[in-house]
């Protein structure tokens, strides 16, 4: 699990979010949306142990809508 966390932080570290350019933030947000739509997140290895972490279709839609709004507001 620690390897997953370290790998994830190398890709996206929310502790460094404010240091990212808006272009990079948008790219990361698009990637998150893609991973949610493709059922890549949360990881299946995680949801096996934590079944309640599985996202329903309505959960996915809500999260994606929130991320889209965040992405759209980056230039405002």
PDB file of N, CA and C in Angstrom:
ATOM      1  N   UNK A   1       0.825  -1.188   0.000  1.00  0.00           N
ATOM      2  CA  UNK A   1       0.000   0.000   0.000  1.00  0.00           C
ATOM      3  C   UNK A   1       0.876   1.262   0.000  1.00  0.00           C
ATOM      4  N   UNK A   2       1.968   1.203   0.741  1.00  0.00           N
ATOM      5  CA  UNK A   2       2.855   2.363   0.803  1.00  0.00           C
ATOM      6  C   UNK A   2       3.399   2.728  -0.580  1.00  0.00           C
ATOM      7  N   UNK A   3       3.680   1.705  -1.389  1.00  0.00           N
ATOM      8  CA  UNK A   3       4.154   1.961  -2.755  1.00  0.00           C
ATOM      9  C   UNK A   3       3.099   2.704  -3.569  1.00  0.00           C
ATOM     10  N   UNK A   4       1.836   2.316  -3.395  1.00  0.00           N
ATOM     11  CA  UNK A   4       0.745   2.998  -4.098  1.00  0.00           C
ATOM     12  C   UNK A   4       0.685   4.467  -3.692  1.00  0.00           C
ATOM     13  N   UNK A   5       0.829   4.710  -2.411  1.00  0.00           N
ATOM     14  CA  UNK A   5       0.762   6.086  -1.896  1.00  0.00           C
ATOM     15  C   UNK A   5       1.927   6.915  -2.436  1.00  0.00           C
ATOM     16  N   UNK A   6       3.115   6.380  -2.374  1.00  0.00           N
ATOM     17  CA  UNK A   6       4.290   7.113  -2.870  1.00  0.00           C
ATOM     18  C   UNK A   6       4.198   7.371  -4.365  1.00  0.00           C
ATOM     19  N   UNK A   7       3.722   6.385  -5.102  1.00  0.00           N
ATOM     20  CA  UNK A   7       3.557   6.545  -6.542  1.00  0.00           C
ATOM     21  C   UNK A   7       2.511   7.621  -6.829  1.00  0.00           C
ATOM     22  N   UNK A   8       1.407   7.575  -6.106  1.00  0.00           N
ATOM     23  CA  UNK A   8       0.347   8.570  -6.303  1.00  0.00           C
ATOM     24  C   UNK A   8       0.850   9.974  -6.001  1.00  0.00           C
ATOM     25  N   UNK A   9       1.604  10.122  -4.922  1.00  0.00           N
ATOM     26  CA  UNK A   9       2.134  11.444  -4.564  1.00  0.00           C
ATOM     27  C   UNK A   9       3.118  11.961  -5.602  1.00  0.00           C
ATOM     28  N   UNK A  10       3.801  11.062  -6.271  1.00  0.00           N
ATOM     29  CA  UNK A  10       4.723  11.519  -7.313  1.00  0.00           C
ATOM     30  C   UNK A  10       3.940  12.037  -8.527  1.00  0.00           C
ATOM     31  N   UNK A  11       2.726  11.537  -8.708  1.00  0.00           N
ATOM     32  CA  UNK A  11       1.862  11.987  -9.805  1.00  0.00           C
ATOM     33  C   UNK A  11       1.057  13.225  -9.426  1.00  0.00           C
ATOM     34  N   UNK A  12       0.540  13.236  -8.206  1.00  0.00           N
ATOM     35  CA  UNK A  12      -0.310  14.339  -7.747  1.00  0.00           C
ATOM     36  C   UNK A  12      -0.202  14.439  -6.242  1.00  0.00           C
ATOM     37  N   UNK A  13       0.347  15.536  -5.782  1.00  0.00           N
ATOM     38  CA  UNK A  13       0.507  15.756  -4.353  1.00  0.00           C
ATOM     39  C   UNK A  13      -0.292  17.005  -3.986  1.00  0.00           C
ATOM     40  N   UNK A  14      -1.417  16.809  -3.309  1.00  0.00           N
ATOM     41  CA  UNK A  14      -2.269  17.942  -2.967  1.00  0.00           C
ATOM     42  C   UNK A  14      -1.594  18.910  -2.004  1.00  0.00           C
ATOM     43  N   UNK A  15      -0.555  18.484  -1.327  1.00  0.00           N
ATOM     44  CA  UNK A  15       0.211  19.402  -0.477  1.00  0.00           C
ATOM     45  C   UNK A  15       0.949  20.434  -1.315  1.00  0.00           C
ATOM     46  N   UNK A  16       1.163  20.124  -2.590  1.00  0.00           N
ATOM     47  CA  UNK A  16       1.867  21.031  -3.501  1.00  0.00           C
ATOM     48  C   UNK A  16       0.919  21.696  -4.504  1.00  0.00           C
ATOM     49  N   UNK A  17      -0.378  21.464  -4.357  1.00  0.00           N
ATOM     50  CA  UNK A  17      -1.382  21.933  -5.313  1.00  0.00           C
ATOM     51  C   UNK A  17      -1.253  23.421  -5.605  1.00  0.00           C
ATOM     52  N   UNK A  18      -1.065  24.238  -4.591  1.00  0.00           N
ATOM     53  CA  UNK A  18      -0.981  25.691  -4.791  1.00  0.00           C
ATOM     54  C   UNK A  18       0.227  26.099  -5.629  1.00  0.00           C
ATOM     55  N   UNK A  19       1.220  25.243  -5.702  1.00  0.00           N
ATOM     56  CA  UNK A  19       2.411  25.539  -6.498  1.00  0.00           C
ATOM     57  C   UNK A  19       2.232  25.177  -7.975  1.00  0.00           C
ATOM     58  N   UNK A  20       1.197  24.423  -8.296  1.00  0.00           N
ATOM     59  CA  UNK A  20       0.950  24.015  -9.681  1.00  0.00           C
ATOM     60  C   UNK A  20       0.395  25.193 -10.484  1.00  0.00           C
ATOM     61  N   UNK A  21       0.768  25.271 -11.737  1.00  0.00           N
ATOM     62  CA  UNK A  21       0.171  26.258 -12.636  1.00  0.00           C
ATOM     63  C   UNK A  21      -1.279  25.844 -12.911  1.00  0.00           C
ATOM     64  N   UNK A  22      -2.107  26.774 -13.359  1.00  0.00           N
ATOM     65  CA  UNK A  22      -3.487  26.430 -13.691  1.00  0.00           C
ATOM     66  C   UNK A  22      -3.546  25.378 -14.789  1.00  0.00           C
ATOM     67  N   UNK A  23      -2.621  25.465 -15.735  1.00  0.00           N
ATOM     68  CA  UNK A  23      -2.578  24.476 -16.811  1.00  0.00           C
ATOM     69  C   UNK A  23      -2.325  23.077 -16.241  1.00  0.00           C
ATOM     70  N   UNK A  24      -1.393  22.965 -15.314  1.00  0.00           N
ATOM     71  CA  UNK A  24      -1.089  21.669 -14.712  1.00  0.00           C
ATOM     72  C   UNK A  24      -2.257  21.182 -13.854  1.00  0.00           C
ATOM     73  N   UNK A  25      -2.887  22.105 -13.122  1.00  0.00           N
ATOM     74  CA  UNK A  25      -4.055  21.735 -12.321  1.00  0.00           C
ATOM     75  C   UNK A  25      -5.151  21.167 -13.210  1.00  0.00           C
ATOM     76  N   UNK A  26      -5.426  21.849 -14.324  1.00  0.00           N
ATOM     77  CA  UNK A  26      -6.463  21.364 -15.241  1.00  0.00           C
ATOM     78  C   UNK A  26      -6.122  19.989 -15.783  1.00  0.00           C
ATOM     79  N   UNK A  27      -4.870  19.787 -16.115  1.00  0.00           N
ATOM     80  CA  UNK A  27      -4.432  18.491 -16.617  1.00  0.00           C
ATOM     81  C   UNK A  27      -4.648  17.397 -15.571  1.00  0.00           C
ATOM     82  N   UNK A  28      -4.301  17.684 -14.341  1.00  0.00           N
ATOM     83  CA  UNK A  28      -4.475  16.711 -13.263  1.00  0.00           C
ATOM     84  C   UNK A  28      -5.950  16.425 -13.036  1.00  0.00           C
ATOM     85  N   UNK A  29      -6.783  17.456 -13.072  1.00  0.00           N
ATOM     86  CA  UNK A  29      -8.213  17.273 -12.869  1.00  0.00           C
ATOM     87  C   UNK A  29      -8.828  16.452 -13.997  1.00  0.00           C
ATOM     88  N   UNK A  30      -8.401  16.699 -15.222  1.00  0.00           N
ATOM     89  CA  UNK A  30      -8.875  15.902 -16.354  1.00  0.00           C
ATOM     90  C   UNK A  30      -8.493  14.435 -16.170  1.00  0.00           C
ATOM     91  N   UNK A  31      -7.295  14.209 -15.674  1.00  0.00           N
ATOM     92  CA  UNK A  31      -6.825  12.846 -15.438  1.00  0.00           C
ATOM     93  C   UNK A  31      -7.669  12.159 -14.367  1.00  0.00           C
ATOM     94  N   UNK A  32      -8.015  12.886 -13.320  1.00  0.00           N
ATOM     95  CA  UNK A  32      -8.856  12.323 -12.260  1.00  0.00           C
ATOM     96  C   UNK A  32     -10.208  11.918 -12.838  1.00  0.00           C
ATOM     97  N   UNK A  33     -10.792  12.796 -13.639  1.00  0.00           N
ATOM     98  CA  UNK A  33     -12.085  12.496 -14.261  1.00  0.00           C
ATOM     99  C   UNK A  33     -11.977  11.237 -15.112  1.00  0.00           C
ATOM    100  N   UNK A  34     -10.951  11.159 -15.908  1.00  0.00           N
ATOM    101  CA  UNK A  34     -10.747  10.000 -16.770  1.00  0.00           C
ATOM    102  C   UNK A  34     -10.629   8.714 -15.960  1.00  0.00           C
ATOM    103  N   UNK A  35      -9.882   8.765 -14.884  1.00  0.00           N
ATOM    104  CA  UNK A  35      -9.689   7.574 -14.053  1.00  0.00           C
ATOM    105  C   UNK A  35     -10.983   7.148 -13.370  1.00  0.00           C
ATOM    106  N   UNK A  36     -11.789   8.106 -12.973  1.00  0.00           N
ATOM    107  CA  UNK A  36     -13.084   7.778 -12.371  1.00  0.00           C
ATOM    108  C   UNK A  36     -13.999   7.146 -13.420  1.00  0.00           C
ATOM    109  N   UNK A  37     -14.063   7.759 -14.604  1.00  0.00           N
ATOM    110  CA  UNK A  37     -14.926   7.234 -15.672  1.00  0.00           C
ATOM    111  C   UNK A  37     -14.502   5.838 -16.103  1.00  0.00           C
ATOM    112  N   UNK A  38     -13.205   5.571 -16.097  1.00  0.00           N
ATOM    113  CA  UNK A  38     -12.677   4.277 -16.532  1.00  0.00           C
ATOM    114  C   UNK A  38     -12.609   3.251 -15.394  1.00  0.00           C
ATOM    115  N   UNK A  39     -13.194   3.591 -14.252  1.00  0.00           N
ATOM    116  CA  UNK A  39     -13.192   2.712 -13.071  1.00  0.00           C
ATOM    117  C   UNK A  39     -11.798   2.319 -12.610  1.00  0.00           C
ATOM    118  N   UNK A  40     -10.846   3.219 -12.810  1.00  0.00           N
ATOM    119  CA  UNK A  40      -9.476   2.974 -12.345  1.00  0.00           C
ATOM    120  C   UNK A  40      -9.276   3.463 -10.909  1.00  0.00           C
ATOM    121  N   UNK A  41     -10.173   4.319 -10.461  1.00  0.00           N
ATOM    122  CA  UNK A  41     -10.095   4.839  -9.093  1.00  0.00           C
ATOM    123  C   UNK A  41     -11.475   4.755  -8.473  1.00  0.00           C
ATOM    124  N   UNK A  42     -11.578   4.391  -7.236  1.00  0.00           N
ATOM    125  CA  UNK A  42     -10.470   3.913  -6.414  1.00  0.00           C
ATOM    126  C   UNK A  42      -9.954   2.559  -6.924  1.00  0.00           C
ATOM    127  N   UNK A  43      -8.737   2.256  -6.553  1.00  0.00           N
ATOM    128  CA  UNK A  43      -8.098   1.013  -6.981  1.00  0.00           C
ATOM    129  C   UNK A  43      -8.904  -0.203  -6.514  1.00  0.00           C
ATOM    130  N   UNK A  44      -9.012  -1.180  -7.386  1.00  0.00           N
ATOM    131  CA  UNK A  44      -9.741  -2.400  -7.013  1.00  0.00           C
ATOM    132  C   UNK A  44      -9.073  -3.094  -5.824  1.00  0.00           C
ATOM    133  N   UNK A  45      -7.762  -3.028  -5.748  1.00  0.00           N
ATOM    134  CA  UNK A  45      -7.065  -3.642  -4.608  1.00  0.00           C
ATOM    135  C   UNK A  45      -7.458  -2.968  -3.295  1.00  0.00           C
ATOM    136  N   UNK A  46      -7.838  -1.707  -3.377  1.00  0.00           N
ATOM    137  CA  UNK A  46      -8.283  -0.983  -2.178  1.00  0.00           C
ATOM    138  C   UNK A  46      -9.731  -1.329  -1.845  1.00  0.00           C
ATOM    139  N   UNK A  47     -10.583  -1.378  -2.869  1.00  0.00           N
ATOM    140  CA  UNK A  47     -12.003  -1.629  -2.611  1.00  0.00           C
ATOM    141  C   UNK A  47     -12.278  -3.073  -2.201  1.00  0.00           C
ATOM    142  N   UNK A  48     -11.362  -3.975  -2.479  1.00  0.00           N
ATOM    143  CA  UNK A  48     -11.520  -5.354  -1.992  1.00  0.00           C
ATOM    144  C   UNK A  48     -11.548  -5.347  -0.468  1.00  0.00           C
ATOM    145  N   UNK A  49     -10.667  -4.565   0.115  1.00  0.00           N
ATOM    146  CA  UNK A  49     -10.576  -4.488   1.574  1.00  0.00           C
ATOM    147  C   UNK A  49     -11.609  -3.508   2.130  1.00  0.00           C
ATOM    148  N   UNK A  50     -11.836  -2.417   1.403  1.00  0.00           N
ATOM    149  CA  UNK A  50     -12.741  -1.359   1.846  1.00  0.00           C
ATOM    150  C   UNK A  50     -13.911  -1.258   0.862  1.00  0.00           C
ATOM    151  N   UNK A  51     -14.811  -2.200   0.964  1.00  0.00           N
ATOM    152  CA  UNK A  51     -15.933  -2.276   0.037  1.00  0.00           C
ATOM    153  C   UNK A  51     -16.779  -1.020  -0.013  1.00  0.00           C
ATOM    154  N   UNK A  52     -16.835  -0.303   1.105  1.00  0.00           N
ATOM    155  CA  UNK A  52     -17.647   0.917   1.138  1.00  0.00           C
ATOM    156  C   UNK A  52     -16.998   2.071   0.362  1.00  0.00           C
ATOM    157  N   UNK A  53     -15.790   1.866  -0.125  1.00  0.00           N
ATOM    158  CA  UNK A  53     -15.105   2.902  -0.913  1.00  0.00           C
ATOM    159  C   UNK A  53     -15.489   2.845  -2.390  1.00  0.00           C
ATOM    160  N   UNK A  54     -16.230   1.819  -2.798  1.00  0.00           N
ATOM    161  CA  UNK A  54     -16.659   1.727  -4.187  1.00  0.00           C
ATOM    162  C   UNK A  54     -17.600   2.886  -4.494  1.00  0.00           C
ATOM    163  N   UNK A  55     -17.454   3.429  -5.685  1.00  0.00           N
ATOM    164  CA  UNK A  55     -18.279   4.570  -6.089  1.00  0.00           C
ATOM    165  C   UNK A  55     -19.484   4.088  -6.894  1.00  0.00           C
ATOM    166  N   UNK A  56     -20.653   4.569  -6.506  1.00  0.00           N
ATOM    167  CA  UNK A  56     -21.845   4.299  -7.302  1.00  0.00           C
ATOM    168  C   UNK A  56     -21.821   5.221  -8.518  1.00  0.00           C
ATOM    169  N   UNK A  57     -22.683   4.964  -9.464  1.00  0.00           N
ATOM    170  CA  UNK A  57     -22.752   5.836 -10.645  1.00  0.00           C
ATOM    171  C   UNK A  57     -23.110   7.259 -10.235  1.00  0.00           C
ATOM    172  N   UNK A  58     -24.008   7.412  -9.274  1.00  0.00           N
ATOM    173  CA  UNK A  58     -24.363   8.769  -8.829  1.00  0.00           C
ATOM    174  C   UNK A  58     -23.199   9.432  -8.097  1.00  0.00           C
ATOM    175  N   UNK A  59     -22.420   8.651  -7.345  1.00  0.00           N
ATOM    176  CA  UNK A  59     -21.213   9.191  -6.708  1.00  0.00           C
ATOM    177  C   UNK A  59     -20.248   9.717  -7.773  1.00  0.00           C
ATOM    178  N   UNK A  60     -20.044   8.897  -8.802  1.00  0.00           N
ATOM    179  CA  UNK A  60     -19.131   9.281  -9.880  1.00  0.00           C
ATOM    180  C   UNK A  60     -19.592  10.568 -10.555  1.00  0.00           C
ATOM    181  N   UNK A  61     -20.881  10.641 -10.870  1.00  0.00           N
ATOM    182  CA  UNK A  61     -21.419  11.827 -11.531  1.00  0.00           C
ATOM    183  C   UNK A  61     -21.231  13.069 -10.667  1.00  0.00           C
ATOM    184  N   UNK A  62     -21.489  12.940  -9.377  1.00  0.00           N
ATOM    185  CA  UNK A  62     -21.352  14.065  -8.451  1.00  0.00           C
ATOM    186  C   UNK A  62     -19.901  14.528  -8.355  1.00  0.00           C
ATOM    187  N   UNK A  63     -18.976  13.589  -8.228  1.00  0.00           N
ATOM    188  CA  UNK A  63     -17.553  13.932  -8.128  1.00  0.00           C
ATOM    189  C   UNK A  63     -17.070  14.573  -9.419  1.00  0.00           C
ATOM    190  N   UNK A  64     -17.462  13.999 -10.546  1.00  0.00           N
ATOM    191  CA  UNK A  64     -17.042  14.541 -11.840  1.00  0.00           C
ATOM    192  C   UNK A  64     -17.598  15.943 -12.036  1.00  0.00           C
ATOM    193  N   UNK A  65     -18.844  16.155 -11.664  1.00  0.00           N
ATOM    194  CA  UNK A  65     -19.443  17.492 -11.778  1.00  0.00           C
ATOM    195  C   UNK A  65     -18.676  18.499 -10.912  1.00  0.00           C
ATOM    196  N   UNK A  66     -18.313  18.084  -9.699  1.00  0.00           N
ATOM    197  CA  UNK A  66     -17.570  18.972  -8.801  1.00  0.00           C
ATOM    198  C   UNK A  66     -16.201  19.309  -9.393  1.00  0.00           C
ATOM    199  N   UNK A  67     -15.529  18.310  -9.934  1.00  0.00           N
ATOM    200  CA  UNK A  67     -14.206  18.526 -10.528  1.00  0.00           C
ATOM    201  C   UNK A  67     -14.313  19.423 -11.757  1.00  0.00           C
ATOM    202  N   UNK A  68     -15.327  19.206 -12.593  1.00  0.00           N
ATOM    203  CA  UNK A  68     -15.527  20.052 -13.777  1.00  0.00           C
ATOM    204  C   UNK A  68     -15.729  21.511 -13.363  1.00  0.00           C
ATOM    205  N   UNK A  69     -16.521  21.739 -12.321  1.00  0.00           N
ATOM    206  CA  UNK A  69     -16.729  23.111 -11.827  1.00  0.00           C
ATOM    207  C   UNK A  69     -15.436  23.713 -11.311  1.00  0.00           C
ATOM    208  N   UNK A  70     -14.669  22.931 -10.599  1.00  0.00           N
ATOM    209  CA  UNK A  70     -13.375  23.395 -10.098  1.00  0.00           C
ATOM    210  C   UNK A  70     -12.466  23.764 -11.266  1.00  0.00           C
ATOM    211  N   UNK A  71     -12.413  22.886 -12.246  1.00  0.00           N
ATOM    212  CA  UNK A  71     -11.569  23.111 -13.431  1.00  0.00           C
ATOM    213  C   UNK A  71     -12.009  24.371 -14.169  1.00  0.00           C
ATOM    214  N   UNK A  72     -13.313  24.559 -14.331  1.00  0.00           N
ATOM    215  CA  UNK A  72     -13.841  25.719 -15.043  1.00  0.00           C
ATOM    216  C   UNK A  72     -13.554  27.032 -14.310  1.00  0.00           C
ATOM    217  N   UNK A  73     -13.422  26.974 -12.998  1.00  0.00           N
ATOM    218  CA  UNK A  73     -13.213  28.180 -12.205  1.00  0.00           C
ATOM    219  C   UNK A  73     -11.735  28.545 -12.006  1.00  0.00           C
ATOM    220  N   UNK A  74     -10.847  27.763 -12.559  1.00  0.00           N
ATOM    221  CA  UNK A  74      -9.418  28.038 -12.368  1.00  0.00           C
ATOM    222  C   UNK A  74      -8.991  29.357 -12.997  1.00  0.00           C
ATOM    223  N   UNK A  75      -9.617  29.774 -14.056  1.00  0.00           N
ATOM    224  CA  UNK A  75      -9.199  31.015 -14.727  1.00  0.00           C
ATOM    225  C   UNK A  75      -9.977  32.226 -14.253  1.00  0.00           C
ATOM    226  N   UNK A  76     -10.869  32.061 -13.317  1.00  0.00           N
ATOM    227  CA  UNK A  76     -11.696  33.174 -12.859  1.00  0.00           C
ATOM    228  C   UNK A  76     -11.030  33.923 -11.729  1.00  0.00           C
TER     229      UNK A  76
END
